[in-house]
Amino acid sequence: MGSLTVLREALRARRERRREREQLRRELMEFRTPAERQELEDICRRYDTTVEDLLAGREPPLASPRLQGRAWEEAWDEIVLHYSSDEE
């Protein structure tokens, strides 16, 4: 019975990740103008990543040794918040 629960949890987590990637994809497509696309590329470049990496679910590499643990989580949250923000 335990393995069935583990399987269900794994499938649920996979569906959630897929939903999150689809939401991110929709939000990234809102960067339509050349200036908006350039801004998006600049943000990605700051974190040594690409839009394609983000859509594939790959987290950017650590920018420096000081970004570990909680500092890394905060930097990653900043990226995610920027992409999901409704503000201009």
N, C-alpha and C. Protein backbone atom coordinates (compact mmCIF):
# COMPACT_ATOMS: atom_id res chain seq x y z
N MET A 1 0.83 -1.20 0.00
CA MET A 1 0.00 0.00 0.00
C MET A 1 0.87 1.25 0.00
N GLY A 2 2.02 1.20 0.67
CA GLY A 2 2.90 2.35 0.74
C GLY A 2 3.44 2.73 -0.62
N SER A 3 3.77 1.73 -1.43
CA SER A 3 4.33 2.04 -2.75
C SER A 3 3.29 2.69 -3.66
N LEU A 4 2.03 2.32 -3.49
CA LEU A 4 0.96 2.95 -4.25
C LEU A 4 0.82 4.42 -3.87
N THR A 5 0.93 4.72 -2.60
CA THR A 5 0.88 6.10 -2.12
C THR A 5 2.05 6.91 -2.68
N VAL A 6 3.22 6.31 -2.68
CA VAL A 6 4.40 6.98 -3.21
C VAL A 6 4.21 7.25 -4.70
N LEU A 7 3.69 6.29 -5.43
CA LEU A 7 3.44 6.45 -6.85
C LEU A 7 2.44 7.59 -7.10
N ARG A 8 1.36 7.61 -6.35
CA ARG A 8 0.36 8.67 -6.50
C ARG A 8 0.96 10.05 -6.22
N GLU A 9 1.77 10.14 -5.18
CA GLU A 9 2.43 11.41 -4.84
C GLU A 9 3.37 11.84 -5.96
N ALA A 10 4.11 10.90 -6.51
CA ALA A 10 5.04 11.22 -7.60
C ALA A 10 4.28 11.72 -8.82
N LEU A 11 3.18 11.07 -9.14
CA LEU A 11 2.37 11.51 -10.28
C LEU A 11 1.74 12.87 -10.03
N ARG A 12 1.28 13.10 -8.82
CA ARG A 12 0.69 14.39 -8.46
C ARG A 12 1.74 15.50 -8.58
N ALA A 13 2.94 15.23 -8.08
CA ALA A 13 4.02 16.22 -8.15
C ALA A 13 4.40 16.49 -9.61
N ARG A 14 4.42 15.45 -10.43
CA ARG A 14 4.75 15.62 -11.85
C ARG A 14 3.71 16.48 -12.55
N ARG A 15 2.43 16.23 -12.28
CA ARG A 15 1.37 17.05 -12.88
C ARG A 15 1.49 18.50 -12.44
N GLU A 16 1.81 18.72 -11.18
CA GLU A 16 1.96 20.08 -10.67
C GLU A 16 3.13 20.79 -11.35
N ARG A 17 4.25 20.11 -11.51
CA ARG A 17 5.39 20.71 -12.20
C ARG A 17 5.03 21.05 -13.65
N ARG A 18 4.28 20.17 -14.29
CA ARG A 18 3.85 20.42 -15.66
C ARG A 18 2.95 21.66 -15.73
N ARG A 19 2.02 21.76 -14.79
CA ARG A 19 1.13 22.94 -14.74
C ARG A 19 1.94 24.21 -14.52
N GLU A 20 2.91 24.16 -13.63
CA GLU A 20 3.75 25.33 -13.36
C GLU A 20 4.55 25.73 -14.59
N ARG A 21 5.09 24.74 -15.33
CA ARG A 21 5.84 25.06 -16.55
C ARG A 21 4.93 25.68 -17.60
N GLU A 22 3.72 25.18 -17.72
CA GLU A 22 2.77 25.74 -18.69
C GLU A 22 2.41 27.17 -18.31
N GLN A 23 2.23 27.42 -17.02
CA GLN A 23 1.94 28.78 -16.56
C GLN A 23 3.12 29.71 -16.87
N LEU A 24 4.33 29.24 -16.59
CA LEU A 24 5.52 30.02 -16.88
C LEU A 24 5.62 30.29 -18.38
N ARG A 25 5.35 29.28 -19.20
CA ARG A 25 5.40 29.44 -20.65
C ARG A 25 4.42 30.53 -21.10
N ARG A 26 3.20 30.50 -20.57
CA ARG A 26 2.21 31.53 -20.92
C ARG A 26 2.69 32.92 -20.51
N GLU A 27 3.25 33.01 -19.32
CA GLU A 27 3.72 34.31 -18.83
C GLU A 27 4.90 34.81 -19.65
N LEU A 28 5.80 33.91 -20.03
CA LEU A 28 6.95 34.33 -20.82
C LEU A 28 6.53 34.78 -22.22
N MET A 29 5.46 34.21 -22.74
CA MET A 29 4.98 34.61 -24.06
C MET A 29 4.38 36.02 -24.04
N GLU A 30 4.11 36.55 -22.86
CA GLU A 30 3.59 37.91 -22.76
C GLU A 30 4.67 38.95 -23.04
N PHE A 31 5.94 38.53 -23.06
CA PHE A 31 7.04 39.43 -23.43
C PHE A 31 7.07 39.44 -24.96
N ARG A 32 6.31 40.34 -25.58
CA ARG A 32 6.11 40.29 -27.03
C ARG A 32 6.96 41.28 -27.81
N THR A 33 7.10 42.48 -27.32
CA THR A 33 7.83 43.48 -28.08
C THR A 33 9.33 43.21 -28.02
N PRO A 34 10.08 43.72 -29.00
CA PRO A 34 11.53 43.52 -28.95
C PRO A 34 12.16 44.03 -27.64
N ALA A 35 11.67 45.14 -27.12
CA ALA A 35 12.21 45.68 -25.87
C ALA A 35 11.90 44.73 -24.71
N GLU A 36 10.71 44.19 -24.68
CA GLU A 36 10.34 43.25 -23.61
C GLU A 36 11.16 41.97 -23.72
N ARG A 37 11.35 41.49 -24.94
CA ARG A 37 12.15 40.28 -25.13
C ARG A 37 13.60 40.52 -24.71
N GLN A 38 14.11 41.72 -25.01
CA GLN A 38 15.48 42.05 -24.61
C GLN A 38 15.60 42.10 -23.09
N GLU A 39 14.59 42.67 -22.44
CA GLU A 39 14.59 42.71 -20.98
C GLU A 39 14.60 41.29 -20.40
N LEU A 40 13.82 40.43 -20.97
CA LEU A 40 13.76 39.04 -20.53
C LEU A 40 15.12 38.35 -20.71
N GLU A 41 15.73 38.55 -21.86
CA GLU A 41 17.05 37.96 -22.11
C GLU A 41 18.09 38.52 -21.14
N ASP A 42 18.01 39.83 -20.85
CA ASP A 42 18.95 40.43 -19.90
C ASP A 42 18.81 39.83 -18.51
N ILE A 43 17.58 39.62 -18.09
CA ILE A 43 17.33 39.01 -16.77
C ILE A 43 17.92 37.60 -16.74
N CYS A 44 17.66 36.84 -17.78
CA CYS A 44 18.19 35.47 -17.84
C CYS A 44 19.70 35.48 -17.83
N ARG A 45 20.29 36.39 -18.58
CA ARG A 45 21.76 36.46 -18.66
C ARG A 45 22.36 36.77 -17.29
N ARG A 46 21.69 37.62 -16.50
CA ARG A 46 22.19 37.92 -15.15
C ARG A 46 22.29 36.67 -14.30
N TYR A 47 21.42 35.71 -14.56
CA TYR A 47 21.40 34.49 -13.76
C TYR A 47 21.98 33.30 -14.53
N ASP A 48 22.70 33.59 -15.61
CA ASP A 48 23.37 32.56 -16.40
C ASP A 48 22.42 31.44 -16.80
N THR A 49 21.29 31.84 -17.36
CA THR A 49 20.30 30.87 -17.82
C THR A 49 19.65 31.40 -19.09
N THR A 50 18.74 30.63 -19.65
CA THR A 50 18.00 31.04 -20.84
C THR A 50 16.53 30.77 -20.61
N VAL A 51 15.71 31.34 -21.46
CA VAL A 51 14.27 31.08 -21.40
C VAL A 51 14.02 29.59 -21.61
N GLU A 52 14.75 29.01 -22.54
CA GLU A 52 14.59 27.58 -22.82
C GLU A 52 14.91 26.73 -21.59
N ASP A 53 15.96 27.11 -20.85
CA ASP A 53 16.29 26.38 -19.62
C ASP A 53 15.17 26.48 -18.61
N LEU A 54 14.61 27.67 -18.46
CA LEU A 54 13.53 27.85 -17.50
C LEU A 54 12.31 27.03 -17.89
N LEU A 55 11.98 27.03 -19.17
CA LEU A 55 10.82 26.28 -19.63
C LEU A 55 11.02 24.77 -19.49
N ALA A 56 12.28 24.35 -19.56
CA ALA A 56 12.58 22.93 -19.40
C ALA A 56 12.63 22.53 -17.93
N GLY A 57 12.49 23.53 -17.04
CA GLY A 57 12.50 23.22 -15.61
C GLY A 57 13.88 23.15 -15.01
N ARG A 58 14.90 23.58 -15.75
CA ARG A 58 16.27 23.57 -15.23
C ARG A 58 16.52 24.87 -14.46
N GLU A 59 17.01 24.73 -13.26
CA GLU A 59 17.36 25.91 -12.48
C GLU A 59 18.71 26.42 -12.93
N PRO A 60 18.90 27.75 -12.90
CA PRO A 60 20.20 28.29 -13.30
C PRO A 60 21.29 27.83 -12.33
N PRO A 61 22.53 27.78 -12.82
CA PRO A 61 23.63 27.40 -11.92
C PRO A 61 23.84 28.48 -10.86
N LEU A 62 24.50 28.11 -9.80
CA LEU A 62 24.82 29.10 -8.78
C LEU A 62 25.71 30.17 -9.38
N ALA A 63 25.33 31.43 -9.19
CA ALA A 63 26.08 32.53 -9.78
C ALA A 63 27.44 32.70 -9.11
N SER A 64 27.51 32.41 -7.84
CA SER A 64 28.77 32.55 -7.12
C SER A 64 28.73 31.68 -5.87
N PRO A 65 29.89 31.44 -5.28
CA PRO A 65 29.92 30.61 -4.06
C PRO A 65 29.11 31.20 -2.92
N ARG A 66 28.90 32.51 -2.92
CA ARG A 66 28.14 33.12 -1.82
C ARG A 66 26.65 32.82 -1.91
N LEU A 67 26.19 32.38 -3.09
CA LEU A 67 24.78 32.05 -3.26
C LEU A 67 24.56 30.57 -3.00
N GLN A 68 24.51 30.23 -1.74
CA GLN A 68 24.25 28.86 -1.36
C GLN A 68 23.17 28.86 -0.29
N GLY A 69 22.48 27.74 -0.20
CA GLY A 69 21.46 27.61 0.83
C GLY A 69 20.36 28.64 0.68
N ARG A 70 20.10 29.36 1.75
CA ARG A 70 19.00 30.33 1.78
C ARG A 70 19.22 31.47 0.77
N ALA A 71 20.46 31.91 0.59
CA ALA A 71 20.74 32.98 -0.38
C ALA A 71 20.35 32.54 -1.79
N TRP A 72 20.64 31.28 -2.12
CA TRP A 72 20.28 30.76 -3.44
C TRP A 72 18.76 30.71 -3.58
N GLU A 73 18.06 30.25 -2.57
CA GLU A 73 16.60 30.18 -2.61
C GLU A 73 16.00 31.57 -2.82
N GLU A 74 16.56 32.57 -2.17
CA GLU A 74 16.06 33.93 -2.33
C GLU A 74 16.31 34.44 -3.74
N ALA A 75 17.49 34.14 -4.31
CA ALA A 75 17.79 34.57 -5.68
C ALA A 75 16.85 33.89 -6.67
N TRP A 76 16.61 32.59 -6.47
CA TRP A 76 15.69 31.86 -7.35
C TRP A 76 14.29 32.42 -7.22
N ASP A 77 13.84 32.72 -6.00
CA ASP A 77 12.52 33.30 -5.80
C ASP A 77 12.39 34.63 -6.52
N GLU A 78 13.48 35.42 -6.55
CA GLU A 78 13.45 36.70 -7.26
C GLU A 78 13.19 36.49 -8.75
N ILE A 79 13.83 35.48 -9.33
CA ILE A 79 13.62 35.18 -10.74
C ILE A 79 12.16 34.81 -10.98
N VAL A 80 11.66 33.88 -10.18
CA VAL A 80 10.29 33.40 -10.35
C VAL A 80 9.30 34.54 -10.14
N LEU A 81 9.52 35.36 -9.10
CA LEU A 81 8.60 36.47 -8.86
C LEU A 81 8.61 37.45 -10.01
N HIS A 82 9.78 37.71 -10.57
CA HIS A 82 9.85 38.65 -11.69
C HIS A 82 9.02 38.12 -12.87
N TYR A 83 9.15 36.84 -13.16
CA TYR A 83 8.43 36.27 -14.29
C TYR A 83 6.94 36.17 -14.05
N SER A 84 6.53 36.08 -12.80
CA SER A 84 5.12 35.91 -12.51
C SER A 84 4.45 37.22 -12.07
N SER A 85 5.21 38.29 -12.05
CA SER A 85 4.67 39.59 -11.62
C SER A 85 3.74 40.16 -12.67
N ASP A 86 2.64 40.78 -12.22
CA ASP A 86 1.71 41.45 -13.12
C ASP A 86 2.12 42.89 -13.39
N GLU A 87 3.11 43.37 -12.64
CA GLU A 87 3.54 44.75 -12.79
C GLU A 87 4.37 44.91 -14.04
N GLU A 88 4.38 46.11 -14.60
CA GLU A 88 5.17 46.41 -15.79
C GLU A 88 6.58 46.68 -15.39
